Amino acid sequence: MDLWPQDFESVPRERAPVTILKEQASLLGRKTRNLLEGEVVQVERVHPNGPEFTYRFIIVAPALGDYRYGLFTISHDISLYPVTFRVDEDIKTELAAGSMSHGDMLTAEDEDELVKLLRQILASKKTQRVIAALLNQMLS
């Protein structure tokens, strides 16, 4: 006897946060003529209330011996949202005035907030300084 619903299409679909991160990682390579690459790595974690999904967004500079800079980490549970961001102190300070700042973490309650917060992190002064420093070292 099959007790499963006839189709799962009635279940609302959201893009997983990791999908959005991978899209942005791919775009970094295109925007820098592949001098820099974005990489999304899953971090193994166990949360007391069940599995927690944690991903690290890394900027990679292949021409600098595969130098890797961890830009931020996100975490969420099985329900996808909310997503918690752990960012560099400089980025956190720059974005602290935003409404998505909760104590020492940045939080996105849904996909729209995730996209907004991610845009702010990627456009932050710290991110721009890191990218500029890496590109300048390769082009010297």
Foldseek 3Di string as FASTA:
>chain_A
DDPDDPDPVVPDDDDALVVVLVVVQCVVCVVLVNQKGKDKDWDADADPVGGKTKIWIWIFGVLVVRDIDTAWMWIDDPVRPWIKIQGDPQLCVVCVVDPQDDPRIGIDGGPVSSVVSVVSSCPDPVNVVVVVVSVVVNVD
